[in-house]
């Protein structure tokens, strides 16, 4: 794994999650992030190393190697902070208590397959994006 890169773990079969990863990739001008599906061997290894229950958190996790990890709305807000531009304004949502933010997050996560659909298998990145995904 590359030193200093933040790792986004995402639900590899979720259309919303895959679209969110594509959104981040397009805006990650400083090449801050690397990606792995929660269902992948690397994703499972990273979860196990950090004692993260993939049943309780099954949609997005941001890992900062050597520092911490973020889940749910905290992960989304932390990711947005690294996208630059107007996305820095998303920090205002950190003023909303995490319990309330995570209730909304959990509601969307619970319904993501119903609303956005899901794929039969994890996303396969294009050859030009392959280097951004962990094996």
N, C-alpha and C. Protein backbone atom coordinates (compact mmCIF):
# COMPACT_ATOMS: atom_id res chain seq x y z
N UNK A 1 0.83 -1.18 0.00
CA UNK A 1 0.00 0.00 0.00
C UNK A 1 0.88 1.24 0.00
N UNK A 2 0.40 2.24 -0.67
CA UNK A 2 1.19 3.46 -0.80
C UNK A 2 1.16 4.28 0.49
N UNK A 3 2.31 4.73 0.91
CA UNK A 3 2.40 5.54 2.12
C UNK A 3 1.70 6.87 1.92
N UNK A 4 1.00 7.30 2.95
CA UNK A 4 0.37 8.60 2.93
C UNK A 4 -0.95 8.68 2.20
N UNK A 5 -1.36 7.61 1.54
CA UNK A 5 -2.63 7.63 0.82
C UNK A 5 -3.76 7.22 1.76
N UNK A 6 -4.86 7.93 1.68
CA UNK A 6 -6.05 7.60 2.45
C UNK A 6 -6.82 6.55 1.65
N UNK A 7 -7.40 5.60 2.35
CA UNK A 7 -8.06 4.48 1.68
C UNK A 7 -9.57 4.57 1.91
N UNK A 8 -10.30 4.56 0.81
CA UNK A 8 -11.75 4.53 0.89
C UNK A 8 -12.21 3.10 0.64
N UNK A 9 -12.84 2.52 1.65
CA UNK A 9 -13.46 1.21 1.52
C UNK A 9 -14.93 1.45 1.22
N UNK A 10 -15.45 0.78 0.20
CA UNK A 10 -16.83 1.02 -0.22
C UNK A 10 -17.50 -0.29 -0.57
N UNK A 11 -18.82 -0.27 -0.59
CA UNK A 11 -19.60 -1.44 -0.97
C UNK A 11 -19.48 -1.59 -2.48
N UNK A 12 -18.75 -2.60 -2.91
CA UNK A 12 -18.43 -2.78 -4.32
C UNK A 12 -19.59 -3.18 -5.21
N UNK A 13 -20.70 -3.62 -4.64
CA UNK A 13 -21.84 -4.00 -5.47
C UNK A 13 -22.95 -2.94 -5.47
N UNK A 14 -22.79 -1.91 -4.68
CA UNK A 14 -23.79 -0.85 -4.55
C UNK A 14 -23.60 0.21 -5.64
N UNK A 15 -24.65 0.47 -6.41
CA UNK A 15 -24.55 1.48 -7.47
C UNK A 15 -24.28 2.87 -6.91
N UNK A 16 -24.93 3.23 -5.80
CA UNK A 16 -24.69 4.54 -5.19
C UNK A 16 -23.23 4.65 -4.75
N UNK A 17 -22.71 3.62 -4.13
CA UNK A 17 -21.32 3.64 -3.66
C UNK A 17 -20.34 3.73 -4.82
N UNK A 18 -20.58 2.95 -5.88
CA UNK A 18 -19.72 2.99 -7.05
C UNK A 18 -19.75 4.37 -7.71
N UNK A 19 -20.94 4.95 -7.81
CA UNK A 19 -21.04 6.30 -8.38
C UNK A 19 -20.34 7.33 -7.50
N UNK A 20 -20.42 7.13 -6.19
CA UNK A 20 -19.74 8.04 -5.27
C UNK A 20 -18.22 7.95 -5.43
N UNK A 21 -17.71 6.74 -5.60
CA UNK A 21 -16.27 6.56 -5.82
C UNK A 21 -15.86 7.24 -7.12
N UNK A 22 -16.64 7.07 -8.18
CA UNK A 22 -16.33 7.74 -9.45
C UNK A 22 -16.34 9.26 -9.28
N UNK A 23 -17.27 9.77 -8.49
CA UNK A 23 -17.36 11.20 -8.19
C UNK A 23 -16.08 11.68 -7.51
N UNK A 24 -15.63 10.94 -6.50
CA UNK A 24 -14.41 11.31 -5.77
C UNK A 24 -13.19 11.23 -6.69
N UNK A 25 -13.09 10.18 -7.47
CA UNK A 25 -11.94 10.02 -8.37
C UNK A 25 -11.80 11.23 -9.29
N UNK A 26 -12.91 11.69 -9.84
CA UNK A 26 -12.88 12.83 -10.77
C UNK A 26 -12.43 14.11 -10.09
N UNK A 27 -12.66 14.23 -8.79
CA UNK A 27 -12.36 15.46 -8.07
C UNK A 27 -11.10 15.38 -7.19
N UNK A 28 -10.48 14.21 -7.16
CA UNK A 28 -9.28 14.00 -6.34
C UNK A 28 -8.05 14.51 -7.09
N UNK A 29 -7.95 15.81 -7.23
CA UNK A 29 -6.89 16.44 -8.03
C UNK A 29 -5.50 16.22 -7.44
N UNK A 30 -5.40 16.04 -6.11
CA UNK A 30 -4.10 15.85 -5.46
C UNK A 30 -3.76 14.37 -5.24
N UNK A 31 -4.55 13.48 -5.83
CA UNK A 31 -4.30 12.03 -5.75
C UNK A 31 -4.14 11.58 -4.29
N UNK A 32 -5.11 11.94 -3.46
CA UNK A 32 -5.08 11.65 -2.03
C UNK A 32 -5.54 10.23 -1.72
N UNK A 33 -6.47 9.71 -2.52
CA UNK A 33 -7.17 8.49 -2.16
C UNK A 33 -6.78 7.26 -2.97
N UNK A 34 -6.94 6.11 -2.32
CA UNK A 34 -6.91 4.81 -2.95
C UNK A 34 -8.21 4.12 -2.56
N UNK A 35 -8.59 3.09 -3.28
CA UNK A 35 -9.91 2.51 -3.13
C UNK A 35 -9.85 0.99 -3.05
N UNK A 36 -10.79 0.43 -2.27
CA UNK A 36 -10.94 -1.03 -2.21
C UNK A 36 -12.38 -1.32 -1.83
N UNK A 37 -12.94 -2.33 -2.47
CA UNK A 37 -14.28 -2.78 -2.12
C UNK A 37 -14.24 -3.48 -0.77
N UNK A 38 -15.27 -3.27 0.02
CA UNK A 38 -15.37 -3.97 1.30
C UNK A 38 -15.33 -5.48 1.11
N UNK A 39 -15.86 -5.95 -0.01
CA UNK A 39 -15.95 -7.38 -0.26
C UNK A 39 -14.63 -7.99 -0.73
N UNK A 40 -13.67 -7.16 -1.10
CA UNK A 40 -12.40 -7.67 -1.61
C UNK A 40 -11.54 -8.23 -0.48
N UNK A 41 -10.54 -9.02 -0.85
CA UNK A 41 -9.61 -9.56 0.14
C UNK A 41 -8.91 -8.44 0.90
N UNK A 42 -8.48 -7.41 0.17
CA UNK A 42 -7.80 -6.27 0.81
C UNK A 42 -8.76 -5.56 1.76
N UNK A 43 -9.99 -5.34 1.30
CA UNK A 43 -10.98 -4.69 2.14
C UNK A 43 -11.23 -5.46 3.42
N UNK A 44 -11.39 -6.77 3.29
CA UNK A 44 -11.62 -7.61 4.47
C UNK A 44 -10.42 -7.59 5.40
N UNK A 45 -9.22 -7.60 4.84
CA UNK A 45 -8.00 -7.56 5.65
C UNK A 45 -7.92 -6.23 6.43
N UNK A 46 -8.21 -5.13 5.77
CA UNK A 46 -8.16 -3.82 6.42
C UNK A 46 -9.21 -3.71 7.53
N UNK A 47 -10.39 -4.27 7.31
CA UNK A 47 -11.42 -4.28 8.34
C UNK A 47 -10.97 -5.10 9.54
N UNK A 48 -10.43 -6.27 9.27
CA UNK A 48 -9.99 -7.16 10.35
C UNK A 48 -8.88 -6.53 11.18
N UNK A 49 -7.91 -5.90 10.51
CA UNK A 49 -6.79 -5.26 11.21
C UNK A 49 -7.27 -4.19 12.17
N UNK A 50 -8.37 -3.52 11.83
CA UNK A 50 -8.89 -2.42 12.64
C UNK A 50 -10.08 -2.82 13.50
N UNK A 51 -10.40 -4.10 13.49
CA UNK A 51 -11.52 -4.62 14.29
C UNK A 51 -12.82 -3.89 13.98
N UNK A 52 -13.07 -3.68 12.70
CA UNK A 52 -14.30 -3.01 12.27
C UNK A 52 -15.31 -4.08 11.87
N UNK A 53 -16.50 -4.00 12.42
CA UNK A 53 -17.57 -4.93 12.11
C UNK A 53 -18.23 -4.52 10.80
N UNK A 54 -18.05 -5.31 9.76
CA UNK A 54 -18.58 -4.97 8.44
C UNK A 54 -20.10 -5.10 8.38
N UNK A 55 -20.72 -5.70 9.36
CA UNK A 55 -22.18 -5.74 9.43
C UNK A 55 -22.70 -4.40 9.92
N UNK A 56 -22.03 -3.83 10.91
CA UNK A 56 -22.47 -2.54 11.47
C UNK A 56 -22.15 -1.39 10.53
N UNK A 57 -21.05 -1.49 9.81
CA UNK A 57 -20.63 -0.44 8.87
C UNK A 57 -20.41 -1.12 7.53
N UNK A 58 -21.40 -1.01 6.66
CA UNK A 58 -21.33 -1.77 5.41
C UNK A 58 -21.36 -0.91 4.16
N UNK A 59 -21.08 0.39 4.28
CA UNK A 59 -21.17 1.18 3.07
C UNK A 59 -19.94 2.04 2.79
N UNK A 60 -19.36 2.72 3.76
CA UNK A 60 -18.15 3.52 3.48
C UNK A 60 -17.31 3.66 4.74
N UNK A 61 -16.02 3.52 4.54
CA UNK A 61 -15.05 3.69 5.61
C UNK A 61 -13.85 4.41 5.00
N UNK A 62 -13.35 5.41 5.69
CA UNK A 62 -12.13 6.10 5.26
C UNK A 62 -11.03 5.76 6.25
N UNK A 63 -9.95 5.21 5.74
CA UNK A 63 -8.81 4.86 6.59
C UNK A 63 -7.67 5.82 6.31
N UNK A 64 -7.16 6.43 7.37
CA UNK A 64 -5.95 7.25 7.29
C UNK A 64 -4.86 6.42 7.93
N UNK A 65 -3.99 5.83 7.11
CA UNK A 65 -2.96 4.94 7.65
C UNK A 65 -2.15 5.62 8.76
N UNK A 66 -2.02 4.89 9.85
CA UNK A 66 -1.24 5.37 10.97
C UNK A 66 -1.95 6.39 11.83
N UNK A 67 -3.17 6.78 11.46
CA UNK A 67 -3.88 7.80 12.22
C UNK A 67 -5.17 7.24 12.79
N UNK A 68 -6.14 7.05 11.94
CA UNK A 68 -7.47 6.67 12.41
C UNK A 68 -8.28 6.15 11.24
N UNK A 69 -9.52 5.86 11.54
CA UNK A 69 -10.46 5.59 10.47
C UNK A 69 -11.77 6.30 10.80
N UNK A 70 -12.53 6.58 9.76
CA UNK A 70 -13.80 7.28 9.88
C UNK A 70 -14.87 6.42 9.24
N UNK A 71 -16.06 6.46 9.79
CA UNK A 71 -17.18 5.71 9.24
C UNK A 71 -18.37 6.62 9.01
N UNK A 72 -19.27 6.15 8.20
CA UNK A 72 -20.56 6.79 7.95
C UNK A 72 -20.40 8.25 7.58
N UNK A 73 -21.17 9.14 8.22
CA UNK A 73 -21.15 10.56 7.83
C UNK A 73 -19.80 11.21 8.11
N UNK A 74 -19.09 10.76 9.13
CA UNK A 74 -17.75 11.31 9.39
C UNK A 74 -16.82 11.01 8.22
N UNK A 75 -16.93 9.81 7.66
CA UNK A 75 -16.10 9.44 6.51
C UNK A 75 -16.45 10.33 5.31
N UNK A 76 -17.73 10.50 5.04
CA UNK A 76 -18.16 11.32 3.90
C UNK A 76 -17.67 12.76 4.04
N UNK A 77 -17.80 13.32 5.24
CA UNK A 77 -17.35 14.70 5.45
C UNK A 77 -15.83 14.83 5.34
N UNK A 78 -15.12 13.85 5.86
CA UNK A 78 -13.65 13.88 5.78
C UNK A 78 -13.19 13.76 4.33
N UNK A 79 -13.83 12.92 3.55
CA UNK A 79 -13.49 12.78 2.13
C UNK A 79 -13.74 14.10 1.42
N UNK A 80 -14.88 14.71 1.66
CA UNK A 80 -15.23 15.98 1.00
C UNK A 80 -14.19 17.07 1.28
N UNK A 81 -13.60 17.04 2.47
CA UNK A 81 -12.60 18.06 2.82
C UNK A 81 -11.37 17.99 1.93
N UNK A 82 -11.10 16.84 1.36
CA UNK A 82 -9.91 16.67 0.52
C UNK A 82 -10.19 16.89 -0.96
N UNK A 83 -11.43 17.22 -1.29
CA UNK A 83 -11.77 17.43 -2.69
C UNK A 83 -11.54 18.86 -3.14
N UNK A 84 -11.33 19.75 -2.19
CA UNK A 84 -11.04 21.14 -2.53
C UNK A 84 -12.27 21.89 -2.99
N UNK A 85 -12.03 23.11 -3.43
CA UNK A 85 -13.11 23.94 -3.95
C UNK A 85 -14.23 24.13 -2.94
N UNK A 86 -15.42 24.20 -3.46
CA UNK A 86 -16.59 24.41 -2.61
C UNK A 86 -16.90 23.23 -1.69
N UNK A 87 -16.30 22.09 -1.97
CA UNK A 87 -16.53 20.92 -1.12
C UNK A 87 -16.01 21.15 0.29
N UNK A 88 -15.08 22.07 0.46
CA UNK A 88 -14.59 22.41 1.81
C UNK A 88 -15.73 22.95 2.68
N UNK A 89 -16.73 23.54 2.04
CA UNK A 89 -17.88 24.08 2.79
C UNK A 89 -18.70 22.98 3.47
N UNK A 90 -18.51 21.75 3.07
CA UNK A 90 -19.25 20.66 3.70
C UNK A 90 -18.89 20.54 5.19
N UNK A 91 -17.80 21.16 5.59
CA UNK A 91 -17.40 21.13 7.01
C UNK A 91 -18.49 21.70 7.91
N UNK A 92 -19.34 22.54 7.35
CA UNK A 92 -20.42 23.11 8.16
C UNK A 92 -21.33 22.02 8.71
N UNK A 93 -21.45 20.89 7.99
CA UNK A 93 -22.29 19.79 8.45
C UNK A 93 -21.70 19.08 9.67
N UNK A 94 -20.43 19.28 9.93
CA UNK A 94 -19.83 18.67 11.12
C UNK A 94 -20.37 19.31 12.40
N UNK A 95 -21.02 20.43 12.28
CA UNK A 95 -21.65 21.07 13.44
C UNK A 95 -22.92 20.36 13.85
N UNK A 96 -23.49 19.60 12.93
CA UNK A 96 -24.67 18.80 13.26
C UNK A 96 -24.18 17.59 14.04
N UNK A 97 -24.82 17.28 15.15
CA UNK A 97 -24.37 16.13 15.95
C UNK A 97 -24.28 14.85 15.10
N UNK A 98 -23.21 14.09 15.34
CA UNK A 98 -22.97 12.87 14.57
C UNK A 98 -24.14 11.90 14.68
N UNK A 99 -24.78 11.84 15.81
CA UNK A 99 -25.91 10.91 15.96
C UNK A 99 -27.02 11.24 14.97
N UNK A 100 -27.31 12.50 14.76
CA UNK A 100 -28.34 12.91 13.80
C UNK A 100 -27.86 12.66 12.36
N UNK A 101 -26.61 13.07 12.07
CA UNK A 101 -26.06 12.84 10.72
C UNK A 101 -26.08 11.36 10.38
N UNK A 102 -25.69 10.52 11.35
CA UNK A 102 -25.62 9.08 11.09
C UNK A 102 -27.00 8.44 10.98
N UNK A 103 -28.01 8.99 11.61
CA UNK A 103 -29.37 8.48 11.41
C UNK A 103 -29.78 8.68 9.95
N UNK A 104 -29.51 9.85 9.43
CA UNK A 104 -29.82 10.13 8.02
C UNK A 104 -28.98 9.23 7.13
N UNK A 105 -27.69 9.14 7.43
CA UNK A 105 -26.78 8.29 6.66
C UNK A 105 -27.27 6.84 6.66
N UNK A 106 -27.62 6.32 7.84
CA UNK A 106 -28.08 4.94 7.97
C UNK A 106 -29.38 4.71 7.19
N UNK A 107 -30.26 5.71 7.16
CA UNK A 107 -31.52 5.59 6.42
C UNK A 107 -31.23 5.43 4.92
N UNK A 108 -30.33 6.26 4.41
CA UNK A 108 -29.96 6.16 2.99
C UNK A 108 -29.25 4.83 2.74
N UNK A 109 -28.31 4.47 3.61
CA UNK A 109 -27.56 3.22 3.44
C UNK A 109 -28.49 2.00 3.46
N UNK A 110 -29.46 2.03 4.34
CA UNK A 110 -30.40 0.91 4.44
C UNK A 110 -31.22 0.74 3.15
N UNK A 111 -31.50 1.84 2.48
CA UNK A 111 -32.35 1.82 1.29
C UNK A 111 -31.57 1.93 -0.02
N UNK A 112 -30.25 1.93 0.03
CA UNK A 112 -29.45 2.20 -1.16
C UNK A 112 -29.68 1.20 -2.28
N UNK A 113 -29.83 -0.07 -1.96
CA UNK A 113 -30.06 -1.06 -3.01
C UNK A 113 -31.43 -0.87 -3.65
N UNK A 114 -32.42 -0.58 -2.81
CA UNK A 114 -33.78 -0.40 -3.31
C UNK A 114 -33.86 0.84 -4.22
N UNK A 115 -33.23 1.93 -3.80
CA UNK A 115 -33.32 3.19 -4.53
C UNK A 115 -32.37 3.26 -5.73
N UNK A 116 -31.17 2.73 -5.60
CA UNK A 116 -30.14 2.89 -6.63
C UNK A 116 -29.75 1.58 -7.31
N UNK A 117 -30.16 0.46 -6.75
CA UNK A 117 -29.84 -0.83 -7.34
C UNK A 117 -28.48 -1.34 -6.92
N UNK A 118 -28.20 -2.56 -7.36
CA UNK A 118 -26.90 -3.15 -7.05
C UNK A 118 -26.46 -4.03 -8.20
N UNK A 119 -25.17 -4.24 -8.25
CA UNK A 119 -24.56 -5.06 -9.30
C UNK A 119 -24.38 -6.49 -8.80
N UNK A 120 -24.19 -7.40 -9.72
CA UNK A 120 -23.98 -8.80 -9.35
C UNK A 120 -22.60 -9.06 -8.79
N UNK A 121 -21.65 -8.16 -9.09
CA UNK A 121 -20.28 -8.33 -8.59
C UNK A 121 -19.66 -6.95 -8.41
N UNK A 122 -18.49 -6.92 -7.79
CA UNK A 122 -17.80 -5.66 -7.53
C UNK A 122 -17.39 -4.98 -8.84
N UNK A 123 -17.31 -3.68 -8.77
CA UNK A 123 -16.90 -2.87 -9.91
C UNK A 123 -15.49 -3.25 -10.35
N UNK A 124 -15.28 -3.31 -11.65
CA UNK A 124 -13.95 -3.54 -12.21
C UNK A 124 -13.48 -2.21 -12.79
N UNK A 125 -12.42 -1.63 -12.23
CA UNK A 125 -11.96 -0.32 -12.73
C UNK A 125 -11.40 -0.42 -14.14
N UNK A 126 -11.49 0.69 -14.83
CA UNK A 126 -10.90 0.77 -16.17
C UNK A 126 -9.39 0.66 -16.03
N UNK A 127 -8.70 0.29 -17.11
CA UNK A 127 -7.23 0.16 -17.03
C UNK A 127 -6.54 1.44 -16.53
N UNK A 128 -7.04 2.62 -16.93
CA UNK A 128 -6.39 3.87 -16.51
C UNK A 128 -6.63 4.17 -15.02
N UNK A 129 -7.66 3.60 -14.43
CA UNK A 129 -7.93 3.81 -13.00
C UNK A 129 -7.40 2.69 -12.13
N UNK A 130 -6.95 1.61 -12.72
CA UNK A 130 -6.52 0.41 -11.99
C UNK A 130 -5.52 0.70 -10.87
N UNK A 131 -4.59 1.63 -11.10
CA UNK A 131 -3.55 1.94 -10.11
C UNK A 131 -4.12 2.56 -8.84
N UNK A 132 -5.32 3.10 -8.91
CA UNK A 132 -5.93 3.72 -7.74
C UNK A 132 -6.63 2.72 -6.83
N UNK A 133 -6.77 1.48 -7.30
CA UNK A 133 -7.47 0.44 -6.54
C UNK A 133 -6.46 -0.54 -5.95
N UNK A 134 -6.70 -0.90 -4.71
CA UNK A 134 -5.82 -1.83 -4.00
C UNK A 134 -6.21 -3.26 -4.33
N UNK A 135 -5.23 -4.11 -4.51
CA UNK A 135 -5.49 -5.53 -4.78
C UNK A 135 -5.42 -6.33 -3.51
